[in-house]
Structure formats: structure tokens, C-alpha cells
Amino acid sequence: MKRIVALLVTLLLPLLGMQGLSHAQPVKYAQAGMGFLKIDVGGRAAMAGTQIGAKGDAMSVFYNPALLAQAEGLQVMTSMTNWIADIKHYGTAASWNLGNLGTFGLSFIWMDYGELKRTIPYTGDDPTLRNQGYVDQGTFQVGEYCVGIGYARWISQQFAVGGHLKYAHQDLGDVLIFDEVRGENRMQKNALGNLAFDFGTLFYPGLGDFRFGFSLRNFSGQNDYYDQRFELPLTATFGVAMDVLSLFSGSEGRNSRITVAMDWSHPRDYKERLHAGLEYSLADMIFLRGGYKFNYDEEGLTLGAGFRKDLAGFGVQIDYVYTDFGIFDSVQRFSIGLYKK
């Protein structure tokens, strides 16, 4: 009976999620800043970024820090994303499982925007510049990064909690403004940083491999740019996942897994979203992944593959992810991880 219930839950929850998304919802735009904190990191992106779809590893600190409790031994993982508009997104994470003391994690993500062209409107009398409409002031660079420390621990054999304290920084360069108080032009530096916190839970109720979890990411105070105020992209997510083969056989002697995962996400700056992911694992060595992100403007289909190999207590993991990005063509991710049990 438990297996039947678990199977029904796994099959019906996606339908209920899509039904909820079909209802009219208010559109929320420009409600948050530092959008780079929402970009998926690592191989999990191939499962549409589901929070608890894959087994926990060092990269879990970016999704649901409670999954760090599942990370084995010492792990170091890094990823590179070819983002839209020739932008690069990098992410690195490390975790160390200390048994009863819990698992500690470190995280670092940063953006590479390259060089940008600086221009200002031209309001003078030069015919050539008036026709051009702007004055070229050379190039400048902007930067964004976030560094954090995480911790997770099993409270019982079935329940784990985790947290992730991080510092996010953004530098949008200097801009020439007119200071109405001083009555003169001056350079305004547009750089700020803020502390943020992520929190997550993971629970196995005992129905085969079925588990569910909750995460709250980017909880922070407000930020101010000159006379503009904004908050980080706070996102609350509830997710479920299950190895469907565990309904019919135990884990002993079985070298294949088919994991189905669903996430219901409530972001601060958009309507509710649904993520659906699937992973096939063979001998915990070869991984085939796929997923779909519902209720996005451009993102949708995600595909990927991974390879993991143990070598005398050490191991290496390589992942590739493809994401269809609508009018922006595609986004591709590459990641590599090293671990020691």
C-alpha cells in the first residue's frame, strides 16, 4: 500500500502543479536586483535546476543547503556557464562531511561581463556628434560575486536541515551625475554589498526513496543605489523527488536509478514556476538527465549527461548541460568535481 501511495503522489503532484500555474497570477517585474544569484550552477541544471532531484553534493549549497548532509567525504566542484550575450558565469563549491559533526560547505560564484562601452548623451552644437547622439567615453568593467559558508546536519535518520550564509557584492561602475545639492557634476560609484541567508530542509517519510524538501534563498535586507532601493531575489521552493525503481525493489544489488523530481517555486520577481526533472543513473557512474522549466519567458528544455569514476578512494565527476533559451538560442554549462570518500 505504501508503494502505491508513493507512486500516486509522484504521478499526481506534477498535474496538480500545472493546474495551479494555469490560474491567472499577477505579473511581477523588476522586484529584485542581483539576478545572477538565480542562475543555476553545475550538473543539476540539467534536471531543470530541481532543488532535491539529484543526490546531495557540494553544489547543493547553491540550491538547498540541507542536501549538504548527503555529500560524502571531501568534495570540490566547479562549473562554467556560457550565459547569454557572451557573459560567463562561474561557480565553485567545496564540502567536507565530518560525520556526527555535520557537513561544512564553502561557495563562490562570480560573473564575467567583459569590457562594456561607456557613452553619454550629447547635447552640444557639433553637427557630427548631434547626428551620432552620444559621446564615446571608452570602456569600463562591472563585476558581481557572492561568497558563502554553509552547514548541514541530519537531525534524525530521516530529517536534515541546512543553512548558507553569504555575502553578495555588485559593482556597476562609475557614472557621471549632476549633484543637485552641490550644483555640479560628479562621479557616482555604483557598488554595494549585502549579507544574505539560505535555509533548507530535507525529509524522507519512509515511502521507498520518496523525499521532499523546502528551501528559502536570498533572504536579506534592502540595498540602495543613490536614490534607488531594491532587494535580492528571494525565492521559496518546495520540491519532491523519488527513485521510482525503489517502489518495486530495494537498493541492494540494483545498479540503476530513475529519479523523478518536481519543484514549485515562488520568486519575488515573477509568477510561480514549476520545474520538472528526470535522471537515469547507471552504476552510479553514467548519468543521463533532462527537465523542463514551466512559466519562463525564454528558458524551457534542459538536457545533460554526466560521468563519475572512483579511483582507489578518490574520484572525478564531469557534467555537461544544455538549456534551450528561446530567442537567445542556448546556454551551455560544463562542470568538474573531485572528491575523496
Protein backbone atom coordinates (compact mmCIF):
# COMPACT_ATOMS: atom_id res chain seq x y z
CA MET A 1 0.00 0.00 0.00
CA LYS A 2 2.85 2.39 0.79
CA ARG A 3 4.33 1.79 -2.65
CA ILE A 4 1.01 2.50 -4.33
CA VAL A 5 0.56 5.72 -2.37
CA ALA A 6 4.08 6.87 -3.18
CA LEU A 7 3.60 6.15 -6.87
CA LEU A 8 0.30 8.07 -6.95
CA VAL A 9 1.90 11.02 -5.21
CA THR A 10 4.78 11.02 -7.69
CA LEU A 11 2.42 10.95 -10.67
CA LEU A 12 -0.28 13.31 -9.44
CA LEU A 13 1.82 16.13 -7.98
CA PRO A 14 3.07 17.30 -11.40
CA LEU A 15 -0.53 17.52 -12.64
CA LEU A 16 -1.62 19.48 -9.59
CA GLY A 17 1.35 21.80 -10.01
CA MET A 18 0.48 22.56 -13.63
CA GLN A 19 -3.14 23.16 -12.70
CA GLY A 20 -2.05 25.75 -10.14
CA LEU A 21 0.18 27.51 -12.64
CA SER A 22 -2.66 27.79 -15.15
CA HIS A 23 -4.62 30.15 -12.90
CA ALA A 24 -4.26 33.87 -13.51
CA GLN A 25 -1.49 35.39 -11.40
CA PRO A 26 -0.25 38.96 -11.05
CA VAL A 27 2.88 39.69 -13.07
CA LYS A 28 5.83 40.92 -11.01
CA TYR A 29 8.73 42.57 -12.83
CA ALA A 30 11.81 44.44 -11.59
CA GLN A 31 11.12 43.48 -7.99
CA ALA A 32 14.68 42.39 -7.19
CA GLY A 33 18.31 43.02 -8.06
CA MET A 34 21.49 40.93 -8.36
CA GLY A 35 19.77 38.48 -10.67
CA PHE A 36 22.99 36.48 -11.07
CA LEU A 37 22.09 34.77 -7.77
CA LYS A 38 19.27 32.93 -9.60
CA ILE A 39 21.43 31.31 -12.29
CA ASP A 40 21.71 27.51 -11.99
CA VAL A 41 25.11 26.06 -11.17
CA GLY A 42 26.59 22.67 -12.10
CA GLY A 43 25.12 19.45 -13.43
CA ARG A 44 21.85 19.81 -11.51
CA ALA A 45 20.83 22.43 -14.04
CA ALA A 46 20.16 19.57 -16.49
CA MET A 47 17.23 18.50 -14.27
CA ALA A 48 15.70 21.96 -14.67
CA GLY A 49 17.51 23.02 -11.50
CA THR A 50 15.27 20.93 -9.22
CA GLN A 51 16.23 21.51 -5.60
CA ILE A 52 16.26 17.91 -4.33
CA GLY A 53 16.22 15.89 -7.55
CA ALA A 54 19.78 14.59 -7.51
CA LYS A 55 21.76 13.21 -4.61
CA GLY A 56 23.33 15.91 -2.47
CA ASP A 57 26.86 17.07 -3.23
CA ALA A 58 28.98 20.19 -2.75
CA MET A 59 26.94 22.09 -5.38
CA SER A 60 23.80 21.60 -3.26
CA VAL A 61 24.82 24.65 -1.23
CA PHE A 62 23.55 26.79 -4.14
CA TYR A 63 20.12 25.11 -4.20
CA ASN A 64 19.07 23.58 -0.89
CA PRO A 65 21.83 23.62 1.76
CA ALA A 66 20.15 20.77 3.65
CA LEU A 67 21.35 18.41 0.90
CA LEU A 68 24.92 19.05 2.00
CA ALA A 69 24.19 16.44 4.68
CA GLN A 70 24.20 13.83 1.89
CA ALA A 71 27.57 14.90 0.44
CA GLU A 72 30.16 12.21 1.12
CA GLY A 73 33.73 12.82 2.25
CA LEU A 74 35.60 15.80 0.85
CA GLN A 75 34.38 17.33 -2.42
CA VAL A 76 35.48 20.24 -4.59
CA MET A 77 33.38 21.15 -7.65
CA THR A 78 33.49 23.98 -10.15
CA SER A 79 31.36 24.95 -13.14
CA MET A 80 31.39 27.41 -16.03
CA THR A 81 28.27 28.65 -17.82
CA ASN A 82 28.28 30.28 -21.24
CA TRP A 83 25.46 32.68 -20.39
CA ILE A 84 23.60 34.89 -22.85
CA ALA A 85 25.23 37.94 -24.51
CA ASP A 86 28.73 36.41 -24.21
CA ILE A 87 28.57 36.60 -20.42
CA LYS A 88 30.38 33.99 -18.33
CA HIS A 89 29.07 32.65 -15.02
CA TYR A 90 31.40 30.69 -12.74
CA GLY A 91 30.61 28.72 -9.62
CA THR A 92 32.81 26.80 -7.19
CA ALA A 93 31.82 24.85 -4.09
CA ALA A 94 33.54 22.60 -1.56
CA SER A 95 32.10 20.39 1.17
CA TRP A 96 33.51 18.28 3.97
CA ASN A 97 31.38 15.68 5.75
CA LEU A 98 32.52 15.25 9.37
CA GLY A 99 30.02 12.57 10.35
CA ASN A 100 28.10 13.40 13.52
CA LEU A 101 29.51 16.93 13.45
CA GLY A 102 27.66 17.64 10.21
CA THR A 103 28.82 18.81 6.80
CA PHE A 104 30.50 22.14 6.15
CA GLY A 105 30.50 23.88 2.78
CA LEU A 106 32.09 26.83 1.02
CA SER A 107 30.72 28.59 -2.06
CA PHE A 108 31.88 31.21 -4.53
CA ILE A 109 30.17 32.46 -7.68
CA TRP A 110 31.16 35.34 -9.94
CA MET A 111 30.22 36.91 -13.25
CA ASP A 112 32.48 37.95 -16.13
CA TYR A 113 30.83 40.59 -18.33
CA GLY A 114 33.96 41.52 -20.25
CA GLU A 115 34.50 45.14 -21.29
CA LEU A 116 31.49 47.41 -21.82
CA LYS A 117 31.35 50.60 -23.84
CA ARG A 118 30.64 53.81 -21.92
CA THR A 119 28.65 56.57 -23.63
CA ILE A 120 26.76 59.67 -22.51
CA PRO A 121 24.10 61.67 -24.43
CA TYR A 122 25.43 64.59 -26.46
CA THR A 123 23.61 67.89 -26.06
CA GLY A 124 26.08 70.29 -27.70
CA ASP A 125 26.17 72.02 -31.10
CA ASP A 126 28.66 69.88 -33.02
CA PRO A 127 26.70 68.60 -36.10
CA THR A 128 28.58 65.29 -36.26
CA LEU A 129 28.08 64.47 -32.58
CA ARG A 130 24.47 65.66 -32.68
CA ASN A 131 23.80 63.23 -35.51
CA GLN A 132 25.55 60.45 -33.58
CA GLY A 133 23.64 61.31 -30.43
CA TYR A 134 26.26 60.32 -27.90
CA VAL A 135 29.86 60.82 -26.78
CA ASP A 136 32.14 57.78 -26.57
CA GLN A 137 33.99 57.66 -23.24
CA GLY A 138 35.90 54.43 -23.74
CA THR A 139 35.24 51.17 -21.93
CA PHE A 140 34.57 50.12 -18.37
CA GLN A 141 34.02 46.91 -16.43
CA VAL A 142 31.37 45.73 -13.98
CA GLY A 143 31.56 42.86 -11.55
CA GLU A 144 29.41 40.64 -9.38
CA TYR A 145 30.33 37.90 -6.95
CA CYS A 146 28.98 36.02 -3.95
CA VAL A 147 30.95 34.09 -1.34
CA GLY A 148 29.42 31.99 1.41
CA ILE A 149 29.75 29.29 4.04
CA GLY A 150 27.19 26.53 4.56
CA TYR A 151 26.39 23.87 7.12
CA ALA A 152 24.01 20.90 7.18
CA ARG A 153 23.28 18.09 9.60
CA TRP A 154 21.00 15.10 9.98
CA ILE A 155 18.67 15.75 12.92
CA SER A 156 17.41 12.18 12.66
CA GLN A 157 17.83 9.33 10.18
CA GLN A 158 15.09 10.89 8.06
CA PHE A 159 15.33 14.65 8.57
CA ALA A 160 18.14 17.08 7.69
CA VAL A 161 18.45 20.87 7.90
CA GLY A 162 20.98 23.26 6.48
CA GLY A 163 21.89 26.92 6.18
CA HIS A 164 24.07 29.06 3.93
CA LEU A 165 25.35 32.50 4.98
CA LYS A 166 26.73 34.52 2.10
CA TYR A 167 27.91 37.95 1.06
CA ALA A 168 26.83 39.25 -2.35
CA HIS A 169 28.64 42.16 -3.99
CA GLN A 170 27.86 44.15 -7.11
CA ASP A 171 29.90 46.87 -8.85
CA LEU A 172 28.21 48.58 -11.82
CA GLY A 173 30.99 51.07 -12.38
CA ASP A 174 31.11 54.85 -12.04
CA VAL A 175 28.68 57.21 -13.73
CA LEU A 176 28.70 60.99 -14.16
CA ILE A 177 25.66 62.58 -12.47
CA PHE A 178 24.51 66.11 -11.66
CA ASP A 179 24.53 66.69 -7.92
CA GLU A 180 21.56 68.96 -7.24
CA VAL A 181 22.80 69.73 -3.71
CA ARG A 182 26.27 70.84 -4.82
CA GLY A 183 25.09 72.17 -8.17
CA GLU A 184 27.84 70.40 -10.09
CA ASN A 185 28.65 67.22 -11.98
CA ARG A 186 30.41 64.46 -10.08
CA MET A 187 31.26 60.80 -10.47
CA GLN A 188 28.95 58.44 -8.57
CA LYS A 189 30.33 55.00 -7.70
CA ASN A 190 27.69 52.29 -8.05
CA ALA A 191 28.92 49.47 -5.83
CA LEU A 192 27.35 47.77 -2.84
CA GLY A 193 27.25 44.50 -0.93
CA ASN A 194 24.82 42.75 1.33
CA LEU A 195 24.61 39.71 3.59
CA ALA A 196 22.06 37.08 2.63
CA PHE A 197 20.94 33.76 4.05
CA ASP A 198 19.64 30.50 2.59
CA PHE A 199 17.79 27.86 4.60
CA GLY A 200 16.72 24.37 3.63
CA THR A 201 15.18 21.12 4.86
CA LEU A 202 15.08 17.53 3.61
CA PHE A 203 12.77 14.74 4.82
CA TYR A 204 12.38 11.06 3.95
CA PRO A 205 8.92 9.91 5.20
CA GLY A 206 9.70 6.21 4.63
CA LEU A 207 7.82 5.66 1.35
CA GLY A 208 10.51 3.97 -0.68
CA ASP A 209 13.03 6.59 -1.82
CA PHE A 210 10.43 9.38 -1.76
CA ARG A 211 11.64 12.62 -0.17
CA PHE A 212 10.59 16.23 -0.04
CA GLY A 213 12.21 19.45 1.00
CA PHE A 214 11.89 23.20 1.29
CA SER A 215 14.36 25.99 0.65
CA LEU A 216 14.31 29.75 1.15
CA ARG A 217 17.09 31.50 -0.74
CA ASN A 218 18.45 35.06 -0.76
CA PHE A 219 16.78 36.32 2.41
CA SER A 220 18.35 39.73 3.03
CA GLY A 221 17.84 43.37 3.84
CA GLN A 222 17.36 46.15 1.31
CA ASN A 223 20.01 47.70 -0.93
CA ASP A 224 20.36 51.31 -2.03
CA TYR A 225 21.88 52.77 -5.19
CA TYR A 226 21.96 56.53 -4.79
CA ASP A 227 18.17 57.12 -4.65
CA GLN A 228 17.05 53.64 -5.81
CA ARG A 229 16.17 50.82 -3.41
CA PHE A 230 15.86 47.10 -4.18
CA GLU A 231 16.04 43.66 -2.55
CA LEU A 232 17.73 40.40 -3.52
CA PRO A 233 15.74 37.75 -5.47
CA LEU A 234 14.11 35.99 -2.51
CA THR A 235 12.77 32.61 -3.63
CA ALA A 236 10.79 29.99 -1.69
CA THR A 237 10.74 26.48 -3.18
CA PHE A 238 9.03 23.23 -2.24
CA GLY A 239 10.23 20.10 -4.00
CA VAL A 240 9.71 16.36 -4.15
CA ALA A 241 11.81 13.59 -5.67
CA MET A 242 11.87 9.82 -5.88
CA ASP A 243 13.77 6.94 -7.42
CA VAL A 244 10.74 5.22 -8.96
CA LEU A 245 12.55 1.89 -9.19
CA SER A 246 12.72 1.80 -5.38
CA LEU A 247 8.96 1.18 -5.37
CA PHE A 248 9.47 -2.27 -6.80
CA SER A 249 12.86 -3.36 -5.48
CA GLY A 250 15.29 -2.37 -2.77
CA SER A 251 18.62 -0.68 -3.34
CA GLU A 252 20.63 -3.85 -2.68
CA GLY A 253 22.07 -5.41 -5.85
CA ARG A 254 20.50 -2.77 -8.11
CA ASN A 255 22.80 -0.60 -10.21
CA SER A 256 20.19 1.58 -11.93
CA ARG A 257 18.11 4.50 -10.68
CA ILE A 258 15.40 6.57 -12.35
CA THR A 259 14.83 9.71 -10.32
CA VAL A 260 11.82 11.96 -10.93
CA ALA A 261 11.82 15.42 -9.34
CA MET A 262 9.37 18.32 -9.17
CA ASP A 263 9.78 21.81 -7.72
CA TRP A 264 7.22 24.54 -7.10
CA SER A 265 8.97 27.88 -6.90
CA HIS A 266 7.66 31.23 -5.62
CA PRO A 267 10.11 34.00 -6.61
CA ARG A 268 9.90 37.61 -5.51
CA ASP A 269 10.25 38.96 -9.04
CA TYR A 270 7.97 36.71 -11.13
CA LYS A 271 4.92 34.47 -11.05
CA GLU A 272 5.01 30.96 -9.59
CA ARG A 273 7.03 28.45 -11.57
CA LEU A 274 7.25 24.69 -11.95
CA HIS A 275 10.44 22.71 -12.56
CA ALA A 276 10.34 19.05 -13.64
CA GLY A 277 13.47 16.90 -13.82
CA LEU A 278 14.45 13.33 -14.64
CA GLU A 279 17.73 11.47 -14.11
CA TYR A 280 18.80 7.98 -15.14
CA SER A 281 21.85 6.63 -13.31
CA LEU A 282 23.76 3.50 -14.29
CA ALA A 283 26.11 2.01 -11.69
CA ASP A 284 26.45 5.47 -10.12
CA MET A 285 28.87 6.16 -12.98
CA ILE A 286 26.88 7.27 -16.05
CA PHE A 287 24.11 9.86 -15.75
CA LEU A 288 21.54 11.00 -18.31
CA ARG A 289 19.40 13.97 -17.31
CA GLY A 290 16.55 16.03 -18.66
CA GLY A 291 13.99 18.54 -17.49
CA TYR A 292 11.69 21.42 -18.30
CA LYS A 293 11.08 24.81 -16.72
CA PHE A 294 7.46 25.93 -16.93
CA ASN A 295 6.25 29.55 -16.86
CA TYR A 296 9.52 31.11 -18.01
CA ASP A 297 9.80 33.77 -20.72
CA GLU A 298 12.67 32.06 -22.54
CA GLU A 299 14.12 29.13 -20.57
CA GLY A 300 12.50 25.73 -21.09
CA LEU A 301 14.05 22.40 -22.07
CA THR A 302 17.19 21.24 -20.26
CA LEU A 303 19.35 18.22 -21.16
CA GLY A 304 22.61 16.87 -19.85
CA ALA A 305 24.91 13.97 -19.14
CA GLY A 306 27.50 13.15 -16.53
CA PHE A 307 30.29 10.70 -15.82
CA ARG A 308 31.67 9.72 -12.43
CA LYS A 309 34.60 7.40 -11.74
CA ASP A 310 36.06 6.17 -8.46
CA LEU A 311 39.79 5.54 -8.29
CA ALA A 312 41.09 3.99 -5.05
CA GLY A 313 39.18 6.27 -2.69
CA PHE A 314 39.42 9.28 -4.97
CA GLY A 315 37.11 10.18 -7.80
CA VAL A 316 36.24 12.59 -10.54
CA GLN A 317 32.88 13.76 -11.90
CA ILE A 318 32.29 15.57 -15.20
CA ASP A 319 28.94 17.07 -16.26
CA TYR A 320 27.55 18.83 -19.31
CA VAL A 321 24.26 20.75 -19.50
CA TYR A 322 22.34 22.20 -22.44
CA THR A 323 19.49 24.68 -21.89
CA ASP A 324 17.19 25.97 -24.60
CA PHE A 325 16.95 29.75 -24.15
CA GLY A 326 14.37 30.79 -26.73
CA ILE A 327 15.37 33.85 -28.73
CA PHE A 328 18.82 33.73 -27.12
CA ASP A 329 19.46 30.32 -28.69
CA SER A 330 21.02 28.17 -25.97
CA VAL A 331 23.06 28.19 -22.77
CA GLN A 332 25.70 25.55 -22.11
CA ARG A 333 27.34 24.54 -18.84
CA PHE A 334 30.40 22.47 -18.02
CA SER A 335 31.40 21.28 -14.57
CA ILE A 336 34.05 19.08 -13.00
CA GLY A 337 34.34 17.77 -9.47
CA LEU A 338 36.93 15.95 -7.40
CA TYR A 339 36.11 14.01 -4.27
CA LYS A 340 37.62 11.79 -1.62
CA LYS A 341 35.48 9.46 0.45
